[in-house]
PDB file of N, CA and C in Angstrom:
ATOM      1  N   MET A   1      86.228 -16.238 155.285  1.00  0.00           N
ATOM      2  CA  MET A   1      84.788 -15.734 155.705  1.00  0.00           C
ATOM      3  C   MET A   1      84.349 -14.439 155.056  1.00  0.00           C
ATOM      4  N   ASP A   2      83.521 -14.253 154.378  1.00  0.00           N
ATOM      5  CA  ASP A   2      83.203 -12.852 154.351  1.00  0.00           C
ATOM      6  C   ASP A   2      82.284 -12.197 155.354  1.00  0.00           C
ATOM      7  N   GLU A   3      82.353 -10.659 155.532  1.00  0.00           N
ATOM      8  CA  GLU A   3      81.937 -10.398 156.523  1.00  0.00           C
ATOM      9  C   GLU A   3      80.364 -10.344 156.957  1.00  0.00           C
ATOM     10  N   LEU A   4      79.940 -10.510 155.806  1.00  0.00           N
ATOM     11  CA  LEU A   4      77.958 -10.941 156.376  1.00  0.00           C
ATOM     12  C   LEU A   4      77.837 -12.024 156.898  1.00  0.00           C
ATOM     13  N   THR A   5      78.678 -13.095 156.530  1.00  0.00           N
ATOM     14  CA  THR A   5      78.976 -14.397 157.312  1.00  0.00           C
ATOM     15  C   THR A   5      79.410 -14.524 158.813  1.00  0.00           C
ATOM     16  N   THR A   6      80.387 -13.478 158.717  1.00  0.00           N
ATOM     17  CA  THR A   6      81.161 -13.216 160.543  1.00  0.00           C
ATOM     18  C   THR A   6      79.938 -12.622 160.892  1.00  0.00           C
ATOM     19  N   LEU A   7      79.611 -11.478 160.830  1.00  0.00           N
ATOM     20  CA  LEU A   7      78.637 -11.035 161.368  1.00  0.00           C
ATOM     21  C   LEU A   7      77.278 -11.718 162.018  1.00  0.00           C
ATOM     22  N   ALA A   8      76.898 -12.687 160.866  1.00  0.00           N
ATOM     23  CA  ALA A   8      75.751 -13.659 161.488  1.00  0.00           C
ATOM     24  C   ALA A   8      76.618 -14.827 162.380  1.00  0.00           C
ATOM     25  N   VAL A   9      77.571 -15.207 162.369  1.00  0.00           N
ATOM     26  CA  VAL A   9      78.046 -15.877 163.337  1.00  0.00           C
ATOM     27  C   VAL A   9      78.151 -15.342 164.575  1.00  0.00           C
ATOM     28  N   LYS A  10      78.590 -14.041 164.522  1.00  0.00           N
ATOM     29  CA  LYS A  10      78.506 -13.371 165.773  1.00  0.00           C
ATOM     30  C   LYS A  10      77.126 -13.318 166.517  1.00  0.00           C
ATOM     31  N   ALA A  11      76.154 -12.657 165.705  1.00  0.00           N
ATOM     32  CA  ALA A  11      74.917 -12.691 165.993  1.00  0.00           C
ATOM     33  C   ALA A  11      74.238 -13.896 166.730  1.00  0.00           C
ATOM     34  N   LEU A  12      74.724 -14.936 165.844  1.00  0.00           N
ATOM     35  CA  LEU A  12      74.075 -16.427 166.371  1.00  0.00           C
ATOM     36  C   LEU A  12      74.784 -16.615 167.814  1.00  0.00           C
ATOM     37  N   GLY A  13      75.944 -16.488 168.035  1.00  0.00           N
ATOM     38  CA  GLY A  13      76.717 -16.232 169.584  1.00  0.00           C
ATOM     39  C   GLY A  13      75.752 -15.480 170.207  1.00  0.00           C
ATOM     40  N   SER A  14      75.785 -14.103 170.033  1.00  0.00           N
ATOM     41  CA  SER A  14      75.124 -13.150 171.091  1.00  0.00           C
ATOM     42  C   SER A  14      74.103 -13.586 171.393  1.00  0.00           C
ATOM     43  N   PHE A  15      73.100 -14.068 170.297  1.00  0.00           N
ATOM     44  CA  PHE A  15      71.501 -14.298 170.832  1.00  0.00           C
ATOM     45  C   PHE A  15      71.539 -15.787 171.682  1.00  0.00           C
ATOM     46  N   GLY A  16      72.628 -16.743 171.606  1.00  0.00           N
ATOM     47  CA  GLY A  16      72.438 -17.655 172.288  1.00  0.00           C
ATOM     48  C   GLY A  16      72.869 -17.331 173.851  1.00  0.00           C
ATOM     49  N   GLY A  17      74.067 -16.496 173.959  1.00  0.00           N
ATOM     50  CA  GLY A  17      74.446 -15.912 175.476  1.00  0.00           C
ATOM     51  C   GLY A  17      73.187 -15.319 175.922  1.00  0.00           C
ATOM     52  N   ALA A  18      72.399 -14.639 175.047  1.00  0.00           N
ATOM     53  CA  ALA A  18      71.219 -13.758 175.956  1.00  0.00           C
ATOM     54  C   ALA A  18      70.138 -14.920 176.162  1.00  0.00           C
ATOM     55  N   VAL A  19      69.626 -15.792 175.577  1.00  0.00           N
ATOM     56  CA  VAL A  19      68.918 -16.781 175.872  1.00  0.00           C
ATOM     57  C   VAL A  19      69.472 -17.538 176.999  1.00  0.00           C
ATOM     58  N   LEU A  20      70.727 -17.980 177.050  1.00  0.00           N
ATOM     59  CA  LEU A  20      70.781 -18.730 178.197  1.00  0.00           C
ATOM     60  C   LEU A  20      70.715 -17.937 179.225  1.00  0.00           C
ATOM     61  N   ALA A  21      71.279 -16.721 179.269  1.00  0.00           N
ATOM     62  CA  ALA A  21      71.266 -15.423 180.541  1.00  0.00           C
ATOM     63  C   ALA A  21      69.608 -15.633 180.942  1.00  0.00           C
ATOM     64  N   LEU A  22      68.947 -15.373 180.029  1.00  0.00           N
ATOM     65  CA  LEU A  22      67.545 -15.336 180.383  1.00  0.00           C
ATOM     66  C   LEU A  22      66.804 -16.734 181.208  1.00  0.00           C
ATOM     67  N   VAL A  23      67.702 -17.745 180.737  1.00  0.00           N
ATOM     68  CA  VAL A  23      67.313 -19.244 181.589  1.00  0.00           C
ATOM     69  C   VAL A  23      67.811 -18.773 183.132  1.00  0.00           C
ATOM     70  N   PHE A  24      69.028 -18.394 182.990  1.00  0.00           N
ATOM     71  CA  PHE A  24      69.291 -18.260 184.506  1.00  0.00           C
ATOM     72  C   PHE A  24      68.956 -17.099 185.343  1.00  0.00           C
ATOM     73  N   GLN A  25      68.743 -16.212 184.795  1.00  0.00           N
ATOM     74  CA  GLN A  25      68.320 -14.996 185.685  1.00  0.00           C
ATOM     75  C   GLN A  25      67.183 -14.077 184.605  1.00  0.00           C
ATOM     76  N   PRO A  26      65.856 -14.623 185.162  1.00  0.00           N
ATOM     77  CA  PRO A  26      64.832 -13.821 184.240  1.00  0.00           C
ATOM     78  C   PRO A  26      64.501 -12.406 184.508  1.00  0.00           C
ATOM     79  N   PRO A  27      64.197 -11.753 183.881  1.00  0.00           N
ATOM     80  CA  PRO A  27      63.762 -10.312 184.037  1.00  0.00           C
ATOM     81  C   PRO A  27      62.514 -10.116 185.073  1.00  0.00           C
ATOM     82  N   LEU A  28      62.573  -8.995 185.623  1.00  0.00           N
ATOM     83  CA  LEU A  28      61.449  -8.710 186.511  1.00  0.00           C
ATOM     84  C   LEU A  28      60.309  -8.360 185.751  1.00  0.00           C
ATOM     85  N   ASN A  29      60.286  -7.897 184.441  1.00  0.00           N
ATOM     86  CA  ASN A  29      59.164  -7.090 183.732  1.00  0.00           C
ATOM     87  C   ASN A  29      59.717  -7.049 182.411  1.00  0.00           C
ATOM     88  N   THR A  30      58.641  -6.834 181.467  1.00  0.00           N
ATOM     89  CA  THR A  30      58.949  -6.916 179.876  1.00  0.00           C
ATOM     90  C   THR A  30      59.861  -5.719 179.862  1.00  0.00           C
ATOM     91  N   ARG A  31      59.643  -4.597 180.493  1.00  0.00           N
ATOM     92  CA  ARG A  31      60.773  -3.297 180.052  1.00  0.00           C
ATOM     93  C   ARG A  31      61.874  -4.022 180.375  1.00  0.00           C
ATOM     94  N   ASP A  32      62.462  -4.543 181.366  1.00  0.00           N
ATOM     95  CA  ASP A  32      63.945  -4.967 181.732  1.00  0.00           C
ATOM     96  C   ASP A  32      64.027  -6.288 180.816  1.00  0.00           C
ATOM     97  N   PHE A  33      63.239  -7.122 180.257  1.00  0.00           N
ATOM     98  CA  PHE A  33      63.571  -8.169 179.225  1.00  0.00           C
ATOM     99  C   PHE A  33      64.142  -7.267 177.851  1.00  0.00           C
ATOM    100  N   ILE A  34      63.304  -6.225 177.558  1.00  0.00           N
ATOM    101  CA  ILE A  34      63.628  -5.712 176.118  1.00  0.00           C
ATOM    102  C   ILE A  34      65.256  -5.113 176.793  1.00  0.00           C
ATOM    103  N   ILE A  35      65.136  -4.465 177.180  1.00  0.00           N
ATOM    104  CA  ILE A  35      66.431  -3.443 177.649  1.00  0.00           C
ATOM    105  C   ILE A  35      67.807  -4.611 177.921  1.00  0.00           C
ATOM    106  N   ARG A  36      67.677  -5.590 178.696  1.00  0.00           N
ATOM    107  CA  ARG A  36      68.487  -6.112 178.862  1.00  0.00           C
ATOM    108  C   ARG A  36      68.766  -6.931 177.393  1.00  0.00           C
ATOM    109  N   SER A  37      67.856  -7.902 176.557  1.00  0.00           N
ATOM    110  CA  SER A  37      68.050  -8.127 175.514  1.00  0.00           C
ATOM    111  C   SER A  37      68.819  -7.346 174.264  1.00  0.00           C
ATOM    112  N   VAL A  38      68.378  -6.294 174.198  1.00  0.00           N
ATOM    113  CA  VAL A  38      69.093  -5.491 173.314  1.00  0.00           C
ATOM    114  C   VAL A  38      70.504  -5.255 173.550  1.00  0.00           C
ATOM    115  N   PHE A  39      70.614  -4.944 174.739  1.00  0.00           N
ATOM    116  CA  PHE A  39      72.016  -4.689 175.395  1.00  0.00           C
ATOM    117  C   PHE A  39      73.130  -6.140 175.372  1.00  0.00           C
ATOM    118  N   ALA A  40      72.437  -6.890 175.852  1.00  0.00           N
ATOM    119  CA  ALA A  40      73.631  -8.222 175.831  1.00  0.00           C
ATOM    120  C   ALA A  40      73.742  -8.657 173.964  1.00  0.00           C
ATOM    121  N   PHE A  41      72.583  -8.236 173.486  1.00  0.00           N
ATOM    122  CA  PHE A  41      72.979  -8.884 172.107  1.00  0.00           C
ATOM    123  C   PHE A  41      73.984  -7.903 171.473  1.00  0.00           C
ATOM    124  N   LEU A  42      74.142  -6.524 171.614  1.00  0.00           N
ATOM    125  CA  LEU A  42      74.815  -5.341 171.005  1.00  0.00           C
ATOM    126  C   LEU A  42      76.071  -5.836 171.645  1.00  0.00           C
ATOM    127  N   CYS A  43      76.113  -5.902 172.899  1.00  0.00           N
ATOM    128  CA  CYS A  43      77.517  -6.335 173.607  1.00  0.00           C
ATOM    129  C   CYS A  43      78.081  -7.290 172.717  1.00  0.00           C
ATOM    130  N   GLY A  44      77.260  -8.496 172.725  1.00  0.00           N
ATOM    131  CA  GLY A  44      77.772  -9.781 171.990  1.00  0.00           C
ATOM    132  C   GLY A  44      78.601  -9.941 171.033  1.00  0.00           C
ATOM    133  N   VAL A  45      77.882  -8.862 169.963  1.00  0.00           N
ATOM    134  CA  VAL A  45      78.105  -8.750 168.583  1.00  0.00           C
ATOM    135  C   VAL A  45      79.358  -7.546 168.727  1.00  0.00           C
ATOM    136  N   LEU A  46      79.445  -6.609 169.274  1.00  0.00           N
ATOM    137  CA  LEU A  46      80.638  -5.676 169.154  1.00  0.00           C
ATOM    138  C   LEU A  46      81.543  -6.213 170.082  1.00  0.00           C
ATOM    139  N   PHE A  47      81.820  -6.813 171.254  1.00  0.00           N
ATOM    140  CA  PHE A  47      82.799  -6.829 171.844  1.00  0.00           C
ATOM    141  C   PHE A  47      83.132  -8.592 172.188  1.00  0.00           C
ATOM    142  N   GLY A  48      82.562  -9.220 171.350  1.00  0.00           N
ATOM    143  CA  GLY A  48      83.006 -10.701 171.397  1.00  0.00           C
ATOM    144  C   GLY A  48      84.458 -11.057 170.748  1.00  0.00           C
ATOM    145  N   ASP A  49      84.532 -10.466 169.726  1.00  0.00           N
ATOM    146  CA  ASP A  49      85.953 -10.788 169.005  1.00  0.00           C
ATOM    147  C   ASP A  49      86.918  -9.908 169.807  1.00  0.00           C
ATOM    148  N   PRO A  50      86.800  -8.707 170.218  1.00  0.00           N
ATOM    149  CA  PRO A  50      88.147  -8.265 170.977  1.00  0.00           C
ATOM    150  C   PRO A  50      88.160  -9.268 172.166  1.00  0.00           C
ATOM    151  N   VAL A  51      87.317  -9.699 173.075  1.00  0.00           N
ATOM    152  CA  VAL A  51      87.715 -10.564 174.133  1.00  0.00           C
ATOM    153  C   VAL A  51      88.545 -11.565 173.567  1.00  0.00           C
ATOM    154  N   ARG A  52      87.843 -12.170 172.416  1.00  0.00           N
ATOM    155  CA  ARG A  52      88.710 -13.551 172.170  1.00  0.00           C
ATOM    156  C   ARG A  52      89.648 -13.423 171.671  1.00  0.00           C
ATOM    157  N   GLN A  53      90.130 -12.325 170.847  1.00  0.00           N
ATOM    158  CA  GLN A  53      91.593 -11.843 170.800  1.00  0.00           C
ATOM    159  C   GLN A  53      92.681 -11.596 171.953  1.00  0.00           C
ATOM    160  N   GLN A  54      92.091 -10.397 173.061  1.00  0.00           N
ATOM    161  CA  GLN A  54      93.284  -9.924 173.646  1.00  0.00           C
ATOM    162  C   GLN A  54      93.005 -10.780 174.944  1.00  0.00           C
ATOM    163  N   TYR A  55      91.920 -11.043 175.317  1.00  0.00           N
ATOM    164  CA  TYR A  55      91.905 -11.849 176.929  1.00  0.00           C
ATOM    165  C   TYR A  55      91.659 -13.214 176.662  1.00  0.00           C
ATOM    166  N   LEU A  56      91.094 -14.191 175.853  1.00  0.00           N
ATOM    167  CA  LEU A  56      91.159 -15.734 175.825  1.00  0.00           C
ATOM    168  C   LEU A  56      92.079 -16.294 174.994  1.00  0.00           C
ATOM    169  N   ASN A  57      92.607 -15.428 174.006  1.00  0.00           N
ATOM    170  CA  ASN A  57      94.029 -16.000 172.805  1.00  0.00           C
ATOM    171  C   ASN A  57      93.266 -16.962 172.486  1.00  0.00           C
ATOM    172  N   TRP A  58      91.973 -17.059 172.012  1.00  0.00           N
ATOM    173  CA  TRP A  58      91.536 -18.156 171.166  1.00  0.00           C
ATOM    174  C   TRP A  58      91.704 -18.024 169.826  1.00  0.00           C
ATOM    175  N   PRO A  59      91.822 -19.101 168.794  1.00  0.00           N
ATOM    176  CA  PRO A  59      91.955 -19.167 167.499  1.00  0.00           C
ATOM    177  C   PRO A  59      91.053 -18.625 166.787  1.00  0.00           C
ATOM    178  N   GLU A  60      91.091 -18.094 165.385  1.00  0.00           N
ATOM    179  CA  GLU A  60      90.311 -17.543 164.640  1.00  0.00           C
ATOM    180  C   GLU A  60      89.266 -18.426 163.925  1.00  0.00           C
ATOM    181  N   THR A  61      88.272 -19.078 164.511  1.00  0.00           N
ATOM    182  CA  THR A  61      87.374 -20.049 163.793  1.00  0.00           C
ATOM    183  C   THR A  61      85.891 -19.462 164.359  1.00  0.00           C
ATOM    184  N   TRP A  62      85.250 -20.276 163.668  1.00  0.00           N
ATOM    185  CA  TRP A  62      83.663 -19.577 163.933  1.00  0.00           C
ATOM    186  C   TRP A  62      83.240 -20.140 165.232  1.00  0.00           C
ATOM    187  N   GLN A  63      83.647 -21.461 165.533  1.00  0.00           N
ATOM    188  CA  GLN A  63      83.319 -21.961 166.670  1.00  0.00           C
ATOM    189  C   GLN A  63      83.586 -20.953 167.860  1.00  0.00           C
ATOM    190  N   MET A  64      85.039 -20.553 168.032  1.00  0.00           N
ATOM    191  CA  MET A  64      85.443 -19.816 168.812  1.00  0.00           C
ATOM    192  C   MET A  64      84.781 -18.103 168.753  1.00  0.00           C
ATOM    193  N   TRP A  65      84.341 -17.628 168.015  1.00  0.00           N
ATOM    194  CA  TRP A  65      83.573 -16.674 167.381  1.00  0.00           C
ATOM    195  C   TRP A  65      82.120 -16.829 168.346  1.00  0.00           C
ATOM    196  N   VAL A  66      81.609 -17.920 167.801  1.00  0.00           N
ATOM    197  CA  VAL A  66      80.267 -18.165 168.865  1.00  0.00           C
ATOM    198  C   VAL A  66      80.447 -18.097 170.192  1.00  0.00           C
ATOM    199  N   ALA A  67      81.344 -18.829 170.804  1.00  0.00           N
ATOM    200  CA  ALA A  67      81.839 -19.044 172.063  1.00  0.00           C
ATOM    201  C   ALA A  67      81.935 -17.656 173.019  1.00  0.00           C
ATOM    202  N   SER A  68      82.897 -16.741 171.831  1.00  0.00           N
ATOM    203  CA  SER A  68      83.324 -15.934 172.781  1.00  0.00           C
ATOM    204  C   SER A  68      82.122 -14.679 172.946  1.00  0.00           C
ATOM    205  N   SER A  69      81.187 -14.356 171.638  1.00  0.00           N
ATOM    206  CA  SER A  69      79.983 -13.580 171.534  1.00  0.00           C
ATOM    207  C   SER A  69      78.770 -13.813 172.622  1.00  0.00           C
ATOM    208  N   ALA A  70      78.913 -15.367 172.911  1.00  0.00           N
ATOM    209  CA  ALA A  70      77.984 -15.680 173.793  1.00  0.00           C
ATOM    210  C   ALA A  70      78.307 -15.382 175.519  1.00  0.00           C
ATOM    211  N   ILE A  71      79.685 -15.515 175.473  1.00  0.00           N
ATOM    212  CA  ILE A  71      80.268 -15.112 176.809  1.00  0.00           C
ATOM    213  C   ILE A  71      80.267 -13.745 177.166  1.00  0.00           C
ATOM    214  N   VAL A  72      80.481 -12.991 176.202  1.00  0.00           N
ATOM    215  CA  VAL A  72      80.110 -11.946 176.285  1.00  0.00           C
ATOM    216  C   VAL A  72      78.561 -11.197 176.681  1.00  0.00           C
ATOM    217  N   SER A  73      77.742 -12.071 175.590  1.00  0.00           N
ATOM    218  CA  SER A  73      76.523 -11.357 175.577  1.00  0.00           C
ATOM    219  C   SER A  73      75.782 -11.997 177.035  1.00  0.00           C
ATOM    220  N   LEU A  74      76.269 -13.285 177.688  1.00  0.00           N
ATOM    221  CA  LEU A  74      75.837 -13.681 179.272  1.00  0.00           C
ATOM    222  C   LEU A  74      76.167 -12.682 179.984  1.00  0.00           C
ATOM    223  N   ALA A  75      77.478 -12.194 180.169  1.00  0.00           N
ATOM    224  CA  ALA A  75      77.876 -11.599 181.178  1.00  0.00           C
ATOM    225  C   ALA A  75      77.204 -10.075 181.140  1.00  0.00           C
ATOM    226  N   SER A  76      77.127  -9.720 179.941  1.00  0.00           N
ATOM    227  CA  SER A  76      76.816  -8.379 179.900  1.00  0.00           C
ATOM    228  C   SER A  76      75.089  -8.227 180.450  1.00  0.00           C
ATOM    229  N   TRP A  77      74.199  -9.399 180.199  1.00  0.00           N
ATOM    230  CA  TRP A  77      73.517  -9.394 180.777  1.00  0.00           C
ATOM    231  C   TRP A  77      72.903  -9.409 182.740  1.00  0.00           C
ATOM    232  N   TRP A  78      74.082 -10.016 183.056  1.00  0.00           N
ATOM    233  CA  TRP A  78      74.350  -9.937 184.625  1.00  0.00           C
ATOM    234  C   TRP A  78      74.853  -8.438 184.752  1.00  0.00           C
ATOM    235  N   VAL A  79      75.791  -8.330 184.269  1.00  0.00           N
ATOM    236  CA  VAL A  79      76.158  -6.568 184.526  1.00  0.00           C
ATOM    237  C   VAL A  79      75.277  -5.614 184.628  1.00  0.00           C
ATOM    238  N   TRP A  80      74.432  -5.808 183.494  1.00  0.00           N
ATOM    239  CA  TRP A  80      73.038  -5.003 183.235  1.00  0.00           C
ATOM    240  C   TRP A  80      72.318  -5.150 184.657  1.00  0.00           C
ATOM    241  N   GLY A  81      71.994  -6.263 185.143  1.00  0.00           N
ATOM    242  CA  GLY A  81      71.214  -6.653 186.119  1.00  0.00           C
ATOM    243  C   GLY A  81      71.703  -6.193 187.300  1.00  0.00           C
ATOM    244  N   ALA A  82      72.946  -6.369 187.199  1.00  0.00           N
ATOM    245  CA  ALA A  82      73.850  -5.631 188.943  1.00  0.00           C
ATOM    246  C   ALA A  82      73.802  -4.273 189.258  1.00  0.00           C
ATOM    247  N   ALA A  83      73.960  -3.687 187.934  1.00  0.00           N
ATOM    248  CA  ALA A  83      74.076  -2.315 187.670  1.00  0.00           C
ATOM    249  C   ALA A  83      72.214  -1.855 188.349  1.00  0.00           C
ATOM    250  N   VAL A  84      71.549  -2.064 187.630  1.00  0.00           N
ATOM    251  CA  VAL A  84      70.065  -1.797 188.127  1.00  0.00           C
ATOM    252  C   VAL A  84      69.872  -1.802 189.096  1.00  0.00           C
ATOM    253  N   ARG A  85      70.231  -3.046 190.037  1.00  0.00           N
ATOM    254  CA  ARG A  85      70.208  -3.371 191.556  1.00  0.00           C
ATOM    255  C   ARG A  85      70.756  -2.543 192.506  1.00  0.00           C
ATOM    256  N   LEU A  86      72.037  -2.205 191.813  1.00  0.00           N
ATOM    257  CA  LEU A  86      73.152  -1.400 192.727  1.00  0.00           C
ATOM    258  C   LEU A  86      72.308   0.279 192.736  1.00  0.00           C
ATOM    259  N   ILE A  87      72.279   0.459 191.844  1.00  0.00           N
ATOM    260  CA  ILE A  87      71.309   2.045 191.307  1.00  0.00           C
ATOM    261  C   ILE A  87      70.062   1.950 192.065  1.00  0.00           C
ATOM    262  N   GLY A  88      69.068   0.891 192.106  1.00  0.00           N
ATOM    263  CA  GLY A  88      68.075   0.732 193.582  1.00  0.00           C
ATOM    264  C   GLY A  88      68.322   0.849 194.350  1.00  0.00           C
ATOM    265  N   ALA A  89      69.296   0.266 194.866  1.00  0.00           N
ATOM    266  CA  ALA A  89      69.707   0.231 196.223  1.00  0.00           C
ATOM    267  C   ALA A  89      70.317   1.554 196.688  1.00  0.00           C
ATOM    268  N   TYR A  90      71.107   2.608 195.912  1.00  0.00           N
ATOM    269  CA  TYR A  90      71.799   3.620 196.193  1.00  0.00           C
ATOM    270  C   TYR A  90      70.637   4.266 196.287  1.00  0.00           C
ATOM    271  N   LYS A  91      69.368   4.253 195.538  1.00  0.00           N
ATOM    272  CA  LYS A  91      68.415   5.340 195.607  1.00  0.00           C
ATOM    273  C   LYS A  91      67.526   5.347 196.819  1.00  0.00           C
ATOM    274  N   GLY A  92      67.358   3.997 197.658  1.00  0.00           N
ATOM    275  CA  GLY A  92      66.801   3.863 198.808  1.00  0.00           C
ATOM    276  C   GLY A  92      65.429   3.451 198.294  1.00  0.00           C
ATOM    277  N   PRO A  93      64.576   3.423 199.721  1.00  0.00           N
ATOM    278  CA  PRO A  93      63.437   2.961 199.227  1.00  0.00           C
ATOM    279  C   PRO A  93      62.358   3.978 198.940  1.00  0.00           C
ATOM    280  N   LYS A  94      61.340   3.986 198.210  1.00  0.00           N
ATOM    281  CA  LYS A  94      60.291   4.891 197.721  1.00  0.00           C
ATOM    282  C   LYS A  94      59.730   5.320 198.618  1.00  0.00           C
TER     283      LYS A  94
END
């Protein structure tokens, strides 16, 4: 596969993971939605392949690229939400 096709497959998986995360943990407001969506999409595209190679040990097929990008995107959505909640709890009440 050429580089553009590989990037498109990773973007497809990353988008799917972000949509799946949106279903399970909807954001509180529009700002949170935009920030989480961009963060999840970029993490899925950038870190999906290293996670597939080093931690999951999956073969190099397009199905595995989609799955690993979706997993990383989904996990980063939840990590961002947990970080925001922890920071909010640390700040205390307003």
